[in-house]
């Protein structure tokens, strides 16, 4: 289970974007959702104009991945085309995940003024 940022049942460890993607890919999180071993639940969705090279309307989607017990094990962001294919890199971008009892989150970066 992944809790909100104020109360987590797991110790939180901050890691880089590269380390997050490596853990996500090596753990086969997306593949488990594709095989329907796990489920993906939308948390938020909005039309996006962030990808200027696209010729179709793109939707920015944040998803929560749940394992076979119903526990949240990851949160990912992805850009989706109307046909359901993924835009940008073509893969989900993990934002947090649980592995071995640790909640991995991205290192906080300072916001621009």
Protein backbone atom coordinates (compact mmCIF):
# COMPACT_ATOMS: atom_id res chain seq x y z
CA UNK A 1 0.00 0.00 0.00
CA UNK A 2 1.29 3.42 -0.94
CA UNK A 3 0.02 6.08 1.41
CA UNK A 4 -0.13 9.81 0.92
CA UNK A 5 2.99 11.85 1.49
CA UNK A 6 2.17 12.69 5.12
CA UNK A 7 1.70 9.18 6.50
CA UNK A 8 3.27 6.12 4.99
CA UNK A 9 3.25 2.62 6.49
CA UNK A 10 6.66 2.20 4.81
CA UNK A 11 9.94 3.99 5.29
CA UNK A 12 10.42 6.50 2.45
CA UNK A 13 13.59 6.63 0.41
CA UNK A 14 14.17 9.41 -2.13
CA UNK A 15 15.87 8.35 -5.36
CA UNK A 16 16.76 9.87 -8.74
CA UNK A 17 14.56 9.65 -11.82
CA UNK A 18 17.07 7.25 -13.37
CA UNK A 19 17.05 4.94 -10.34
CA UNK A 20 13.23 5.04 -10.20
CA UNK A 21 12.93 4.03 -13.85
CA UNK A 22 15.53 1.28 -13.40
CA UNK A 23 13.66 -0.19 -10.41
CA UNK A 24 10.32 0.09 -12.21
CA UNK A 25 11.62 -1.58 -15.38
CA UNK A 26 13.59 -4.32 -13.61
CA UNK A 27 10.58 -5.04 -11.37
CA UNK A 28 8.33 -5.56 -14.39
CA UNK A 29 5.60 -3.31 -12.98
CA UNK A 30 4.16 -2.24 -16.34
CA UNK A 31 4.35 -5.78 -17.73
CA UNK A 32 2.33 -7.07 -14.75
CA UNK A 33 -0.37 -4.51 -15.54
CA UNK A 34 -0.30 -5.41 -19.25
CA UNK A 35 -0.66 -9.12 -18.38
CA UNK A 36 -3.51 -8.17 -16.03
CA UNK A 37 -1.75 -9.68 -13.02
CA UNK A 38 -2.08 -6.19 -11.51
CA UNK A 39 -4.59 -3.42 -12.16
CA UNK A 40 -4.18 0.25 -13.04
CA UNK A 41 -6.58 2.82 -11.58
CA UNK A 42 -6.76 6.40 -12.89
CA UNK A 43 -6.10 9.07 -10.27
CA UNK A 44 -6.31 12.13 -12.53
CA UNK A 45 -6.59 12.89 -16.20
CA UNK A 46 -6.46 16.11 -18.21
CA UNK A 47 -5.94 17.29 -21.76
CA UNK A 48 -2.32 18.31 -22.27
CA UNK A 49 -0.50 20.50 -24.75
CA UNK A 50 2.93 19.55 -23.40
CA UNK A 51 3.82 17.45 -26.44
CA UNK A 52 3.97 19.93 -29.28
CA UNK A 53 5.14 17.35 -31.84
CA UNK A 54 1.86 15.40 -31.63
CA UNK A 55 -0.86 15.91 -34.25
CA UNK A 56 -3.66 14.55 -32.05
CA UNK A 57 -5.05 15.60 -28.69
CA UNK A 58 -3.01 14.08 -25.86
CA UNK A 59 -4.28 13.27 -22.38
CA UNK A 60 -2.00 13.43 -19.36
CA UNK A 61 -2.89 10.58 -17.00
CA UNK A 62 -1.71 9.66 -13.50
CA UNK A 63 -2.34 6.01 -12.61
CA UNK A 64 -2.11 3.93 -9.46
CA UNK A 65 -0.96 0.32 -9.91
CA UNK A 66 -2.42 -2.27 -7.52
CA UNK A 67 -1.10 -5.77 -6.97
CA UNK A 68 -3.14 -8.97 -6.69
CA UNK A 69 -3.94 -8.11 -3.04
CA UNK A 70 -5.32 -4.72 -4.02
CA UNK A 71 -2.38 -2.86 -2.47
CA UNK A 72 -1.01 0.16 -4.30
CA UNK A 73 2.51 -0.65 -5.47
CA UNK A 74 3.27 2.23 -7.86
CA UNK A 75 2.14 5.53 -9.31
CA UNK A 76 2.97 6.43 -12.88
CA UNK A 77 2.38 9.28 -15.30
CA UNK A 78 1.80 8.79 -18.99
CA UNK A 79 0.64 10.67 -22.06
CA UNK A 80 -2.11 8.87 -23.96
CA UNK A 81 -3.27 9.33 -27.54
CA UNK A 82 -6.96 8.93 -28.49
CA UNK A 83 -6.23 5.41 -29.82
CA UNK A 84 -4.90 4.38 -26.38
CA UNK A 85 -1.24 4.25 -27.40
CA UNK A 86 1.32 6.00 -25.22
CA UNK A 87 2.97 9.17 -26.48
CA UNK A 88 6.34 10.68 -25.48
CA UNK A 89 8.66 7.76 -24.60
CA UNK A 90 5.91 5.19 -25.18
CA UNK A 91 6.25 3.94 -21.60
CA UNK A 92 4.78 4.94 -18.25
CA UNK A 93 6.98 7.27 -16.17
CA UNK A 94 7.11 6.01 -12.56
CA UNK A 95 6.75 8.59 -9.81
CA UNK A 96 6.74 6.30 -6.78
CA UNK A 97 6.85 2.60 -6.07
CA UNK A 98 7.04 0.06 -3.29
CA UNK A 99 9.76 -2.59 -3.22
CA UNK A 100 10.80 -4.78 -0.31
CA UNK A 101 8.84 -2.74 2.22
CA UNK A 102 10.29 0.62 1.12
CA UNK A 103 8.35 3.43 -0.55
CA UNK A 104 10.59 4.95 -3.20
CA UNK A 105 9.83 8.53 -4.16
CA UNK A 106 11.62 10.97 -6.40
CA UNK A 107 14.16 13.39 -5.01
CA UNK A 108 12.45 16.73 -4.59
CA UNK A 109 13.73 19.41 -6.92
CA UNK A 110 13.42 23.12 -6.11
CA UNK A 111 10.58 24.87 -7.90
CA UNK A 112 11.45 27.68 -10.27
CA UNK A 113 10.44 31.16 -9.08
